[in-house]
mmCIF file of all heavy atoms, coordinates in Angstrom:
data_MODEL
# 
_entry.id   MODEL 
# 
loop_
_atom_site.group_PDB 
_atom_site.id 
_atom_site.type_symbol 
_atom_site.label_atom_id 
_atom_site.label_alt_id 
_atom_site.label_comp_id 
_atom_site.label_asym_id 
_atom_site.label_entity_id 
_atom_site.label_seq_id 
_atom_site.pdbx_PDB_ins_code 
_atom_site.Cartn_x 
_atom_site.Cartn_y 
_atom_site.Cartn_z 
_atom_site.occupancy 
_atom_site.B_iso_or_equiv 
_atom_site.pdbx_formal_charge 
_atom_site.auth_seq_id 
_atom_site.auth_comp_id 
_atom_site.auth_asym_id 
_atom_site.auth_atom_id 
_atom_site.pdbx_PDB_model_num 
ATOM 1   N N   . ARG A 1 1  ? -51.997 70.756 10.790 1.00 0.00 ? 1  ARG A N   1 
ATOM 2   C CA  . ARG A 1 1  ? -52.383 69.644 10.168 1.00 0.00 ? 1  ARG A CA  1 
ATOM 3   C C   . ARG A 1 1  ? -51.413 68.416 10.537 1.00 0.00 ? 1  ARG A C   1 
ATOM 4   O O   . ARG A 1 1  ? -51.668 67.345 10.762 1.00 0.00 ? 1  ARG A O   1 
ATOM 5   C CB  . ARG A 1 1  ? -52.666 69.722 8.701  1.00 0.00 ? 1  ARG A CB  1 
ATOM 6   C CG  . ARG A 1 1  ? -53.190 68.504 8.091  1.00 0.00 ? 1  ARG A CG  1 
ATOM 7   C CD  . ARG A 1 1  ? -53.748 68.735 6.703  1.00 0.00 ? 1  ARG A CD  1 
ATOM 8   N NE  . ARG A 1 1  ? -55.035 69.463 6.853  1.00 0.00 ? 1  ARG A NE  1 
ATOM 9   C CZ  . ARG A 1 1  ? -55.278 70.572 6.104  1.00 0.00 ? 1  ARG A CZ  1 
ATOM 10  N NH1 . ARG A 1 1  ? -54.402 71.101 5.393  1.00 0.00 ? 1  ARG A NH1 1 
ATOM 11  N NH2 . ARG A 1 1  ? -56.434 71.161 6.360  1.00 0.00 ? 1  ARG A NH2 1 
ATOM 12  N N   . LYS A 1 2  ? -50.094 68.815 10.378 1.00 0.00 ? 2  LYS A N   1 
ATOM 13  C CA  . LYS A 1 2  ? -49.012 67.925 10.647 1.00 0.00 ? 2  LYS A CA  1 
ATOM 14  C C   . LYS A 1 2  ? -49.054 67.425 12.057 1.00 0.00 ? 2  LYS A C   1 
ATOM 15  O O   . LYS A 1 2  ? -48.907 66.138 12.279 1.00 0.00 ? 2  LYS A O   1 
ATOM 16  C CB  . LYS A 1 2  ? -47.618 68.550 10.376 1.00 0.00 ? 2  LYS A CB  1 
ATOM 17  C CG  . LYS A 1 2  ? -46.402 67.705 10.641 1.00 0.00 ? 2  LYS A CG  1 
ATOM 18  C CD  . LYS A 1 2  ? -45.153 68.398 10.248 1.00 0.00 ? 2  LYS A CD  1 
ATOM 19  C CE  . LYS A 1 2  ? -43.937 67.429 10.356 1.00 0.00 ? 2  LYS A CE  1 
ATOM 20  N NZ  . LYS A 1 2  ? -42.646 68.180 10.136 1.00 0.00 ? 2  LYS A NZ  1 
ATOM 21  N N   . GLU A 1 3  ? -49.324 68.287 13.052 1.00 0.00 ? 3  GLU A N   1 
ATOM 22  C CA  . GLU A 1 3  ? -49.542 67.938 14.424 1.00 0.00 ? 3  GLU A CA  1 
ATOM 23  C C   . GLU A 1 3  ? -50.595 66.991 14.596 1.00 0.00 ? 3  GLU A C   1 
ATOM 24  O O   . GLU A 1 3  ? -50.643 65.987 15.432 1.00 0.00 ? 3  GLU A O   1 
ATOM 25  C CB  . GLU A 1 3  ? -49.563 69.044 15.313 1.00 0.00 ? 3  GLU A CB  1 
ATOM 26  C CG  . GLU A 1 3  ? -48.277 69.834 15.406 1.00 0.00 ? 3  GLU A CG  1 
ATOM 27  C CD  . GLU A 1 3  ? -48.389 71.273 16.117 1.00 0.00 ? 3  GLU A CD  1 
ATOM 28  O OE1 . GLU A 1 3  ? -49.567 71.750 16.136 1.00 0.00 ? 3  GLU A OE1 1 
ATOM 29  O OE2 . GLU A 1 3  ? -47.431 71.785 16.596 1.00 0.00 ? 3  GLU A OE2 1 
ATOM 30  N N   . ARG A 1 4  ? -51.719 67.272 13.832 1.00 0.00 ? 4  ARG A N   1 
ATOM 31  C CA  . ARG A 1 4  ? -52.947 66.475 14.003 1.00 0.00 ? 4  ARG A CA  1 
ATOM 32  C C   . ARG A 1 4  ? -52.693 64.995 13.452 1.00 0.00 ? 4  ARG A C   1 
ATOM 33  O O   . ARG A 1 4  ? -53.101 64.014 14.170 1.00 0.00 ? 4  ARG A O   1 
ATOM 34  C CB  . ARG A 1 4  ? -53.981 67.138 13.132 1.00 0.00 ? 4  ARG A CB  1 
ATOM 35  C CG  . ARG A 1 4  ? -55.456 66.665 13.470 1.00 0.00 ? 4  ARG A CG  1 
ATOM 36  C CD  . ARG A 1 4  ? -56.423 67.476 12.689 1.00 0.00 ? 4  ARG A CD  1 
ATOM 37  N NE  . ARG A 1 4  ? -56.312 68.990 12.906 1.00 0.00 ? 4  ARG A NE  1 
ATOM 38  C CZ  . ARG A 1 4  ? -56.815 69.604 14.000 1.00 0.00 ? 4  ARG A CZ  1 
ATOM 39  N NH1 . ARG A 1 4  ? -57.544 68.807 14.881 1.00 0.00 ? 4  ARG A NH1 1 
ATOM 40  N NH2 . ARG A 1 4  ? -56.733 70.803 14.183 1.00 0.00 ? 4  ARG A NH2 1 
ATOM 41  N N   . TYR A 1 5  ? -51.953 64.937 12.462 1.00 0.00 ? 5  TYR A N   1 
ATOM 42  C CA  . TYR A 1 5  ? -51.627 63.507 11.976 1.00 0.00 ? 5  TYR A CA  1 
ATOM 43  C C   . TYR A 1 5  ? -50.791 62.804 13.000 1.00 0.00 ? 5  TYR A C   1 
ATOM 44  O O   . TYR A 1 5  ? -50.949 61.612 13.208 1.00 0.00 ? 5  TYR A O   1 
ATOM 45  C CB  . TYR A 1 5  ? -50.855 63.586 10.619 1.00 0.00 ? 5  TYR A CB  1 
ATOM 46  C CG  . TYR A 1 5  ? -51.738 63.671 9.395  1.00 0.00 ? 5  TYR A CG  1 
ATOM 47  C CD1 . TYR A 1 5  ? -52.087 64.868 8.913  1.00 0.00 ? 5  TYR A CD1 1 
ATOM 48  C CD2 . TYR A 1 5  ? -52.189 62.508 8.697  1.00 0.00 ? 5  TYR A CD2 1 
ATOM 49  C CE1 . TYR A 1 5  ? -52.931 64.939 7.721  1.00 0.00 ? 5  TYR A CE1 1 
ATOM 50  C CE2 . TYR A 1 5  ? -52.936 62.532 7.633  1.00 0.00 ? 5  TYR A CE2 1 
ATOM 51  C CZ  . TYR A 1 5  ? -53.375 63.784 7.250  1.00 0.00 ? 5  TYR A CZ  1 
ATOM 52  O OH  . TYR A 1 5  ? -54.158 63.848 5.988  1.00 0.00 ? 5  TYR A OH  1 
ATOM 53  N N   . LYS A 1 6  ? -49.830 63.411 13.509 1.00 0.00 ? 6  LYS A N   1 
ATOM 54  C CA  . LYS A 1 6  ? -48.992 62.816 14.603 1.00 0.00 ? 6  LYS A CA  1 
ATOM 55  C C   . LYS A 1 6  ? -49.763 62.388 15.799 1.00 0.00 ? 6  LYS A C   1 
ATOM 56  O O   . LYS A 1 6  ? -49.517 61.321 16.365 1.00 0.00 ? 6  LYS A O   1 
ATOM 57  C CB  . LYS A 1 6  ? -47.792 63.734 15.018 1.00 0.00 ? 6  LYS A CB  1 
ATOM 58  C CG  . LYS A 1 6  ? -46.719 63.094 15.918 1.00 0.00 ? 6  LYS A CG  1 
ATOM 59  C CD  . LYS A 1 6  ? -45.666 64.019 16.271 1.00 0.00 ? 6  LYS A CD  1 
ATOM 60  C CE  . LYS A 1 6  ? -44.650 63.230 17.038 1.00 0.00 ? 6  LYS A CE  1 
ATOM 61  N NZ  . LYS A 1 6  ? -45.061 62.557 18.231 1.00 0.00 ? 6  LYS A NZ  1 
ATOM 62  N N   . PHE A 1 7  ? -50.727 63.250 16.220 1.00 0.00 ? 7  PHE A N   1 
ATOM 63  C CA  . PHE A 1 7  ? -51.561 62.929 17.375 1.00 0.00 ? 7  PHE A CA  1 
ATOM 64  C C   . PHE A 1 7  ? -52.308 61.670 17.106 1.00 0.00 ? 7  PHE A C   1 
ATOM 65  O O   . PHE A 1 7  ? -52.348 60.723 17.917 1.00 0.00 ? 7  PHE A O   1 
ATOM 66  C CB  . PHE A 1 7  ? -52.499 64.046 17.600 1.00 0.00 ? 7  PHE A CB  1 
ATOM 67  C CG  . PHE A 1 7  ? -53.220 63.933 18.948 1.00 0.00 ? 7  PHE A CG  1 
ATOM 68  C CD1 . PHE A 1 7  ? -52.727 64.650 20.088 1.00 0.00 ? 7  PHE A CD1 1 
ATOM 69  C CD2 . PHE A 1 7  ? -54.338 63.225 19.025 1.00 0.00 ? 7  PHE A CD2 1 
ATOM 70  C CE1 . PHE A 1 7  ? -53.438 64.510 21.307 1.00 0.00 ? 7  PHE A CE1 1 
ATOM 71  C CE2 . PHE A 1 7  ? -55.038 63.128 20.205 1.00 0.00 ? 7  PHE A CE2 1 
ATOM 72  C CZ  . PHE A 1 7  ? -54.646 63.768 21.306 1.00 0.00 ? 7  PHE A CZ  1 
ATOM 73  N N   . LEU A 1 8  ? -52.938 61.537 15.939 1.00 0.00 ? 8  LEU A N   1 
ATOM 74  C CA  . LEU A 1 8  ? -53.793 60.407 15.622 1.00 0.00 ? 8  LEU A CA  1 
ATOM 75  C C   . LEU A 1 8  ? -52.915 59.101 15.477 1.00 0.00 ? 8  LEU A C   1 
ATOM 76  O O   . LEU A 1 8  ? -53.143 58.027 15.956 1.00 0.00 ? 8  LEU A O   1 
ATOM 77  C CB  . LEU A 1 8  ? -54.464 60.549 14.268 1.00 0.00 ? 8  LEU A CB  1 
ATOM 78  C CG  . LEU A 1 8  ? -55.932 61.080 14.402 1.00 0.00 ? 8  LEU A CG  1 
ATOM 79  C CD1 . LEU A 1 8  ? -55.984 62.579 14.924 1.00 0.00 ? 8  LEU A CD1 1 
ATOM 80  C CD2 . LEU A 1 8  ? -56.560 61.030 12.938 1.00 0.00 ? 8  LEU A CD2 1 
ATOM 81  N N   . THR A 1 9  ? -51.693 59.282 14.823 1.00 0.00 ? 9  THR A N   1 
ATOM 82  C CA  . THR A 1 9  ? -50.858 58.187 14.543 1.00 0.00 ? 9  THR A CA  1 
ATOM 83  C C   . THR A 1 9  ? -50.261 57.598 15.872 1.00 0.00 ? 9  THR A C   1 
ATOM 84  O O   . THR A 1 9  ? -50.306 56.425 16.174 1.00 0.00 ? 9  THR A O   1 
ATOM 85  C CB  . THR A 1 9  ? -49.642 58.511 13.750 1.00 0.00 ? 9  THR A CB  1 
ATOM 86  O OG1 . THR A 1 9  ? -50.112 58.917 12.424 1.00 0.00 ? 9  THR A OG1 1 
ATOM 87  C CG2 . THR A 1 9  ? -48.684 57.443 13.524 1.00 0.00 ? 9  THR A CG2 1 
ATOM 88  N N   . ASP A 1 10 ? -49.859 58.515 16.824 1.00 0.00 ? 10 ASP A N   1 
ATOM 89  C CA  . ASP A 1 10 ? -49.359 58.016 18.107 1.00 0.00 ? 10 ASP A CA  1 
ATOM 90  C C   . ASP A 1 10 ? -50.452 57.259 18.926 1.00 0.00 ? 10 ASP A C   1 
ATOM 91  O O   . ASP A 1 10 ? -50.133 56.263 19.536 1.00 0.00 ? 10 ASP A O   1 
ATOM 92  C CB  . ASP A 1 10 ? -48.892 59.275 18.986 1.00 0.00 ? 10 ASP A CB  1 
ATOM 93  C CG  . ASP A 1 10 ? -47.599 59.918 18.428 1.00 0.00 ? 10 ASP A CG  1 
ATOM 94  O OD1 . ASP A 1 10 ? -46.905 59.190 17.514 1.00 0.00 ? 10 ASP A OD1 1 
ATOM 95  O OD2 . ASP A 1 10 ? -47.284 60.956 18.730 1.00 0.00 ? 10 ASP A OD2 1 
ATOM 96  N N   . TYR A 1 11 ? -51.740 57.881 18.875 1.00 0.00 ? 11 TYR A N   1 
ATOM 97  C CA  . TYR A 1 11 ? -52.835 57.189 19.556 1.00 0.00 ? 11 TYR A CA  1 
ATOM 98  C C   . TYR A 1 11 ? -53.103 55.866 19.001 1.00 0.00 ? 11 TYR A C   1 
ATOM 99  O O   . TYR A 1 11 ? -53.100 54.852 19.768 1.00 0.00 ? 11 TYR A O   1 
ATOM 100 C CB  . TYR A 1 11 ? -54.078 58.003 19.418 1.00 0.00 ? 11 TYR A CB  1 
ATOM 101 C CG  . TYR A 1 11 ? -55.214 57.357 20.054 1.00 0.00 ? 11 TYR A CG  1 
ATOM 102 C CD1 . TYR A 1 11 ? -55.469 57.387 21.399 1.00 0.00 ? 11 TYR A CD1 1 
ATOM 103 C CD2 . TYR A 1 11 ? -56.040 56.670 19.260 1.00 0.00 ? 11 TYR A CD2 1 
ATOM 104 C CE1 . TYR A 1 11 ? -56.566 56.697 21.965 1.00 0.00 ? 11 TYR A CE1 1 
ATOM 105 C CE2 . TYR A 1 11 ? -57.147 55.956 19.668 1.00 0.00 ? 11 TYR A CE2 1 
ATOM 106 C CZ  . TYR A 1 11 ? -57.399 55.980 21.165 1.00 0.00 ? 11 TYR A CZ  1 
ATOM 107 O OH  . TYR A 1 11 ? -58.463 55.309 21.655 1.00 0.00 ? 11 TYR A OH  1 
ATOM 108 N N   . PHE A 1 12 ? -53.243 55.756 17.712 1.00 0.00 ? 12 PHE A N   1 
ATOM 109 C CA  . PHE A 1 12 ? -53.645 54.452 17.114 1.00 0.00 ? 12 PHE A CA  1 
ATOM 110 C C   . PHE A 1 12 ? -52.502 53.447 17.153 1.00 0.00 ? 12 PHE A C   1 
ATOM 111 O O   . PHE A 1 12 ? -52.745 52.256 17.339 1.00 0.00 ? 12 PHE A O   1 
ATOM 112 C CB  . PHE A 1 12 ? -54.067 54.593 15.671 1.00 0.00 ? 12 PHE A CB  1 
ATOM 113 C CG  . PHE A 1 12 ? -55.460 55.161 15.449 1.00 0.00 ? 12 PHE A CG  1 
ATOM 114 C CD1 . PHE A 1 12 ? -55.767 56.389 14.794 1.00 0.00 ? 12 PHE A CD1 1 
ATOM 115 C CD2 . PHE A 1 12 ? -56.503 54.495 16.113 1.00 0.00 ? 12 PHE A CD2 1 
ATOM 116 C CE1 . PHE A 1 12 ? -57.033 56.780 14.730 1.00 0.00 ? 12 PHE A CE1 1 
ATOM 117 C CE2 . PHE A 1 12 ? -57.870 55.004 15.909 1.00 0.00 ? 12 PHE A CE2 1 
ATOM 118 C CZ  . PHE A 1 12 ? -58.109 56.132 15.289 1.00 0.00 ? 12 PHE A CZ  1 
ATOM 119 N N   . LEU A 1 13 ? -51.265 53.785 17.014 1.00 0.00 ? 13 LEU A N   1 
ATOM 120 C CA  . LEU A 1 13 ? -50.126 52.874 17.233 1.00 0.00 ? 13 LEU A CA  1 
ATOM 121 C C   . LEU A 1 13 ? -50.139 52.242 18.560 1.00 0.00 ? 13 LEU A C   1 
ATOM 122 O O   . LEU A 1 13 ? -49.765 51.035 18.719 1.00 0.00 ? 13 LEU A O   1 
ATOM 123 C CB  . LEU A 1 13 ? -48.786 53.577 17.023 1.00 0.00 ? 13 LEU A CB  1 
ATOM 124 C CG  . LEU A 1 13 ? -48.456 53.802 15.452 1.00 0.00 ? 13 LEU A CG  1 
ATOM 125 C CD1 . LEU A 1 13 ? -47.173 54.655 15.409 1.00 0.00 ? 13 LEU A CD1 1 
ATOM 126 C CD2 . LEU A 1 13 ? -48.383 52.507 14.652 1.00 0.00 ? 13 LEU A CD2 1 
ATOM 127 N N   . LYS A 1 14 ? -50.605 53.048 19.495 1.00 0.00 ? 14 LYS A N   1 
ATOM 128 C CA  . LYS A 1 14 ? -50.663 52.456 20.939 1.00 0.00 ? 14 LYS A CA  1 
ATOM 129 C C   . LYS A 1 14 ? -51.881 51.624 21.167 1.00 0.00 ? 14 LYS A C   1 
ATOM 130 O O   . LYS A 1 14 ? -51.852 50.596 21.781 1.00 0.00 ? 14 LYS A O   1 
ATOM 131 C CB  . LYS A 1 14 ? -50.626 53.584 21.980 1.00 0.00 ? 14 LYS A CB  1 
ATOM 132 C CG  . LYS A 1 14 ? -50.670 53.156 23.373 1.00 0.00 ? 14 LYS A CG  1 
ATOM 133 C CD  . LYS A 1 14 ? -50.619 54.359 24.293 1.00 0.00 ? 14 LYS A CD  1 
ATOM 134 C CE  . LYS A 1 14 ? -50.690 53.959 25.726 1.00 0.00 ? 14 LYS A CE  1 
ATOM 135 N NZ  . LYS A 1 14 ? -50.667 55.030 26.749 1.00 0.00 ? 14 LYS A NZ  1 
ATOM 136 N N   . GLU A 1 15 ? -53.009 52.153 20.717 1.00 0.00 ? 15 GLU A N   1 
ATOM 137 C CA  . GLU A 1 15 ? -54.379 51.489 21.133 1.00 0.00 ? 15 GLU A CA  1 
ATOM 138 C C   . GLU A 1 15 ? -54.864 50.517 20.019 1.00 0.00 ? 15 GLU A C   1 
ATOM 139 O O   . GLU A 1 15 ? -55.599 49.655 20.367 1.00 0.00 ? 15 GLU A O   1 
ATOM 140 C CB  . GLU A 1 15 ? -55.390 52.627 21.199 1.00 0.00 ? 15 GLU A CB  1 
ATOM 141 C CG  . GLU A 1 15 ? -55.081 53.662 22.264 1.00 0.00 ? 15 GLU A CG  1 
ATOM 142 C CD  . GLU A 1 15 ? -55.024 52.961 23.690 1.00 0.00 ? 15 GLU A CD  1 
ATOM 143 O OE1 . GLU A 1 15 ? -55.705 52.003 23.898 1.00 0.00 ? 15 GLU A OE1 1 
ATOM 144 O OE2 . GLU A 1 15 ? -54.276 53.525 24.530 1.00 0.00 ? 15 GLU A OE2 1 
ATOM 145 N N   . MET A 1 16 ? -54.345 50.632 18.725 1.00 0.00 ? 16 MET A N   1 
ATOM 146 C CA  . MET A 1 16 ? -54.853 49.768 17.779 1.00 0.00 ? 16 MET A CA  1 
ATOM 147 C C   . MET A 1 16 ? -53.685 49.421 16.725 1.00 0.00 ? 16 MET A C   1 
ATOM 148 O O   . MET A 1 16 ? -53.820 49.674 15.460 1.00 0.00 ? 16 MET A O   1 
ATOM 149 C CB  . MET A 1 16 ? -55.950 50.456 16.915 1.00 0.00 ? 16 MET A CB  1 
ATOM 150 C CG  . MET A 1 16 ? -56.982 49.553 16.241 1.00 0.00 ? 16 MET A CG  1 
ATOM 151 S SD  . MET A 1 16 ? -58.266 50.503 15.390 1.00 0.00 ? 16 MET A SD  1 
ATOM 152 C CE  . MET A 1 16 ? -59.009 51.229 16.677 1.00 0.00 ? 16 MET A CE  1 
ATOM 153 N N   . PRO A 1 17 ? -52.668 48.781 17.255 1.00 0.00 ? 17 PRO A N   1 
ATOM 154 C CA  . PRO A 1 17 ? -51.455 48.628 16.394 1.00 0.00 ? 17 PRO A CA  1 
ATOM 155 C C   . PRO A 1 17 ? -51.604 47.602 15.362 1.00 0.00 ? 17 PRO A C   1 
ATOM 156 O O   . PRO A 1 17 ? -50.817 47.714 14.305 1.00 0.00 ? 17 PRO A O   1 
ATOM 157 C CB  . PRO A 1 17 ? -50.444 48.056 17.433 1.00 0.00 ? 17 PRO A CB  1 
ATOM 158 C CG  . PRO A 1 17 ? -51.087 47.388 18.519 1.00 0.00 ? 17 PRO A CG  1 
ATOM 159 C CD  . PRO A 1 17 ? -52.394 48.326 18.669 1.00 0.00 ? 17 PRO A CD  1 
ATOM 160 N N   . ASP A 1 18 ? -52.517 46.644 15.456 1.00 0.00 ? 18 ASP A N   1 
ATOM 161 C CA  . ASP A 1 18 ? -52.677 45.595 14.466 1.00 0.00 ? 18 ASP A CA  1 
ATOM 162 C C   . ASP A 1 18 ? -54.171 45.686 13.821 1.00 0.00 ? 18 ASP A C   1 
ATOM 163 O O   . ASP A 1 18 ? -54.641 44.708 13.395 1.00 0.00 ? 18 ASP A O   1 
ATOM 164 C CB  . ASP A 1 18 ? -52.592 44.187 15.161 1.00 0.00 ? 18 ASP A CB  1 
ATOM 165 C CG  . ASP A 1 18 ? -51.223 44.060 15.824 1.00 0.00 ? 18 ASP A CG  1 
ATOM 166 O OD1 . ASP A 1 18 ? -50.168 44.435 15.194 1.00 0.00 ? 18 ASP A OD1 1 
ATOM 167 O OD2 . ASP A 1 18 ? -51.253 43.546 16.897 1.00 0.00 ? 18 ASP A OD2 1 
ATOM 168 N N   . ALA A 1 19 ? -54.461 46.886 13.558 1.00 0.00 ? 19 ALA A N   1 
ATOM 169 C CA  . ALA A 1 19 ? -55.844 47.065 12.887 1.00 0.00 ? 19 ALA A CA  1 
ATOM 170 C C   . ALA A 1 19 ? -55.808 46.380 11.509 1.00 0.00 ? 19 ALA A C   1 
ATOM 171 O O   . ALA A 1 19 ? -54.849 46.464 10.705 1.00 0.00 ? 19 ALA A O   1 
ATOM 172 C CB  . ALA A 1 19 ? -56.046 48.615 12.773 1.00 0.00 ? 19 ALA A CB  1 
ATOM 173 N N   . ASN A 1 20 ? -57.011 45.733 11.166 1.00 0.00 ? 20 ASN A N   1 
ATOM 174 C CA  . ASN A 1 20 ? -57.079 45.094 9.877  1.00 0.00 ? 20 ASN A CA  1 
ATOM 175 C C   . ASN A 1 20 ? -58.487 45.062 9.464  1.00 0.00 ? 20 ASN A C   1 
ATOM 176 O O   . ASN A 1 20 ? -59.326 45.547 10.227 1.00 0.00 ? 20 ASN A O   1 
ATOM 177 C CB  . ASN A 1 20 ? -56.501 43.662 9.965  1.00 0.00 ? 20 ASN A CB  1 
ATOM 178 C CG  . ASN A 1 20 ? -55.944 43.161 8.648  1.00 0.00 ? 20 ASN A CG  1 
ATOM 179 O OD1 . ASN A 1 20 ? -56.505 43.600 7.575  1.00 0.00 ? 20 ASN A OD1 1 
ATOM 180 N ND2 . ASN A 1 20 ? -54.878 42.312 8.669  1.00 0.00 ? 20 ASN A ND2 1 
ATOM 181 N N   . THR A 1 21 ? -58.744 44.513 8.301  1.00 0.00 ? 21 THR A N   1 
ATOM 182 C CA  . THR A 1 21 ? -60.127 44.443 7.706  1.00 0.00 ? 21 THR A CA  1 
ATOM 183 C C   . THR A 1 21 ? -60.909 43.655 8.620  1.00 0.00 ? 21 THR A C   1 
ATOM 184 O O   . THR A 1 21 ? -60.518 42.532 9.191  1.00 0.00 ? 21 THR A O   1 
ATOM 185 C CB  . THR A 1 21 ? -60.158 44.009 6.302  1.00 0.00 ? 21 THR A CB  1 
ATOM 186 O OG1 . THR A 1 21 ? -61.488 43.885 5.906  1.00 0.00 ? 21 THR A OG1 1 
ATOM 187 C CG2 . THR A 1 21 ? -59.513 42.670 6.165  1.00 0.00 ? 21 THR A CG2 1 
ATOM 188 N N   . GLU A 1 22 ? -62.278 43.808 8.677  1.00 0.00 ? 22 GLU A N   1 
ATOM 189 C CA  . GLU A 1 22 ? -63.225 42.998 9.421  1.00 0.00 ? 22 GLU A CA  1 
ATOM 190 C C   . GLU A 1 22 ? -63.843 41.965 8.534  1.00 0.00 ? 22 GLU A C   1 
ATOM 191 O O   . GLU A 1 22 ? -64.668 41.164 8.967  1.00 0.00 ? 22 GLU A O   1 
ATOM 192 C CB  . GLU A 1 22 ? -64.278 43.897 10.096 1.00 0.00 ? 22 GLU A CB  1 
ATOM 193 C CG  . GLU A 1 22 ? -63.718 44.779 11.228 1.00 0.00 ? 22 GLU A CG  1 
ATOM 194 C CD  . GLU A 1 22 ? -64.825 45.533 11.893 1.00 0.00 ? 22 GLU A CD  1 
ATOM 195 O OE1 . GLU A 1 22 ? -65.699 46.121 11.348 1.00 0.00 ? 22 GLU A OE1 1 
ATOM 196 O OE2 . GLU A 1 22 ? -64.837 45.427 13.191 1.00 0.00 ? 22 GLU A OE2 1 
ATOM 197 N N   . LEU A 1 23 ? -63.447 41.977 7.295  1.00 0.00 ? 23 LEU A N   1 
ATOM 198 C CA  . LEU A 1 23 ? -63.981 40.982 6.304  1.00 0.00 ? 23 LEU A CA  1 
ATOM 199 C C   . LEU A 1 23 ? -63.241 39.599 6.610  1.00 0.00 ? 23 LEU A C   1 
ATOM 200 O O   . LEU A 1 23 ? -62.076 39.621 6.922  1.00 0.00 ? 23 LEU A O   1 
ATOM 201 C CB  . LEU A 1 23 ? -63.743 41.373 4.856  1.00 0.00 ? 23 LEU A CB  1 
ATOM 202 C CG  . LEU A 1 23 ? -64.573 42.606 4.349  1.00 0.00 ? 23 LEU A CG  1 
ATOM 203 C CD1 . LEU A 1 23 ? -64.051 43.033 3.025  1.00 0.00 ? 23 LEU A CD1 1 
ATOM 204 C CD2 . LEU A 1 23 ? -65.994 42.258 4.346  1.00 0.00 ? 23 LEU A CD2 1 
ATOM 205 N N   . HIS A 1 24 ? -63.953 38.522 6.362  1.00 0.00 ? 24 HIS A N   1 
ATOM 206 C CA  . HIS A 1 24 ? -63.317 37.143 6.606  1.00 0.00 ? 24 HIS A CA  1 
ATOM 207 C C   . HIS A 1 24 ? -62.899 36.629 5.296  1.00 0.00 ? 24 HIS A C   1 
ATOM 208 O O   . HIS A 1 24 ? -63.718 36.600 4.300  1.00 0.00 ? 24 HIS A O   1 
ATOM 209 C CB  . HIS A 1 24 ? -64.417 36.327 7.296  1.00 0.00 ? 24 HIS A CB  1 
ATOM 210 C CG  . HIS A 1 24 ? -64.868 36.791 8.728  1.00 0.00 ? 24 HIS A CG  1 
ATOM 211 N ND1 . HIS A 1 24 ? -65.956 36.324 9.295  1.00 0.00 ? 24 HIS A ND1 1 
ATOM 212 C CD2 . HIS A 1 24 ? -64.280 37.753 9.415  1.00 0.00 ? 24 HIS A CD2 1 
ATOM 213 C CE1 . HIS A 1 24 ? -66.125 36.871 10.571 1.00 0.00 ? 24 HIS A CE1 1 
ATOM 214 N NE2 . HIS A 1 24 ? -65.118 37.774 10.638 1.00 0.00 ? 24 HIS A NE2 1 
ATOM 215 N N   . TYR A 1 25 ? -61.811 36.031 5.275  1.00 0.00 ? 25 TYR A N   1 
ATOM 216 C CA  . TYR A 1 25 ? -61.256 35.434 3.907  1.00 0.00 ? 25 TYR A CA  1 
ATOM 217 C C   . TYR A 1 25 ? -60.017 34.565 4.263  1.00 0.00 ? 25 TYR A C   1 
ATOM 218 O O   . TYR A 1 25 ? -59.362 34.751 5.348  1.00 0.00 ? 25 TYR A O   1 
ATOM 219 C CB  . TYR A 1 25 ? -60.847 36.640 2.975  1.00 0.00 ? 25 TYR A CB  1 
ATOM 220 C CG  . TYR A 1 25 ? -59.766 37.523 3.500  1.00 0.00 ? 25 TYR A CG  1 
ATOM 221 C CD1 . TYR A 1 25 ? -58.381 37.200 3.029  1.00 0.00 ? 25 TYR A CD1 1 
ATOM 222 C CD2 . TYR A 1 25 ? -59.919 38.524 4.344  1.00 0.00 ? 25 TYR A CD2 1 
ATOM 223 C CE1 . TYR A 1 25 ? -57.278 37.911 3.517  1.00 0.00 ? 25 TYR A CE1 1 
ATOM 224 C CE2 . TYR A 1 25 ? -58.786 39.263 4.848  1.00 0.00 ? 25 TYR A CE2 1 
ATOM 225 C CZ  . TYR A 1 25 ? -57.576 39.029 4.364  1.00 0.00 ? 25 TYR A CZ  1 
ATOM 226 O OH  . TYR A 1 25 ? -56.511 39.792 4.863  1.00 0.00 ? 25 TYR A OH  1 
# 
């Protein structure tokens, strides 16, 4: 599970570093 979290984190930090809500405000 620890490796799974690292895999996801590494991927998203590279591909989606500035992810945020899609709501407008």
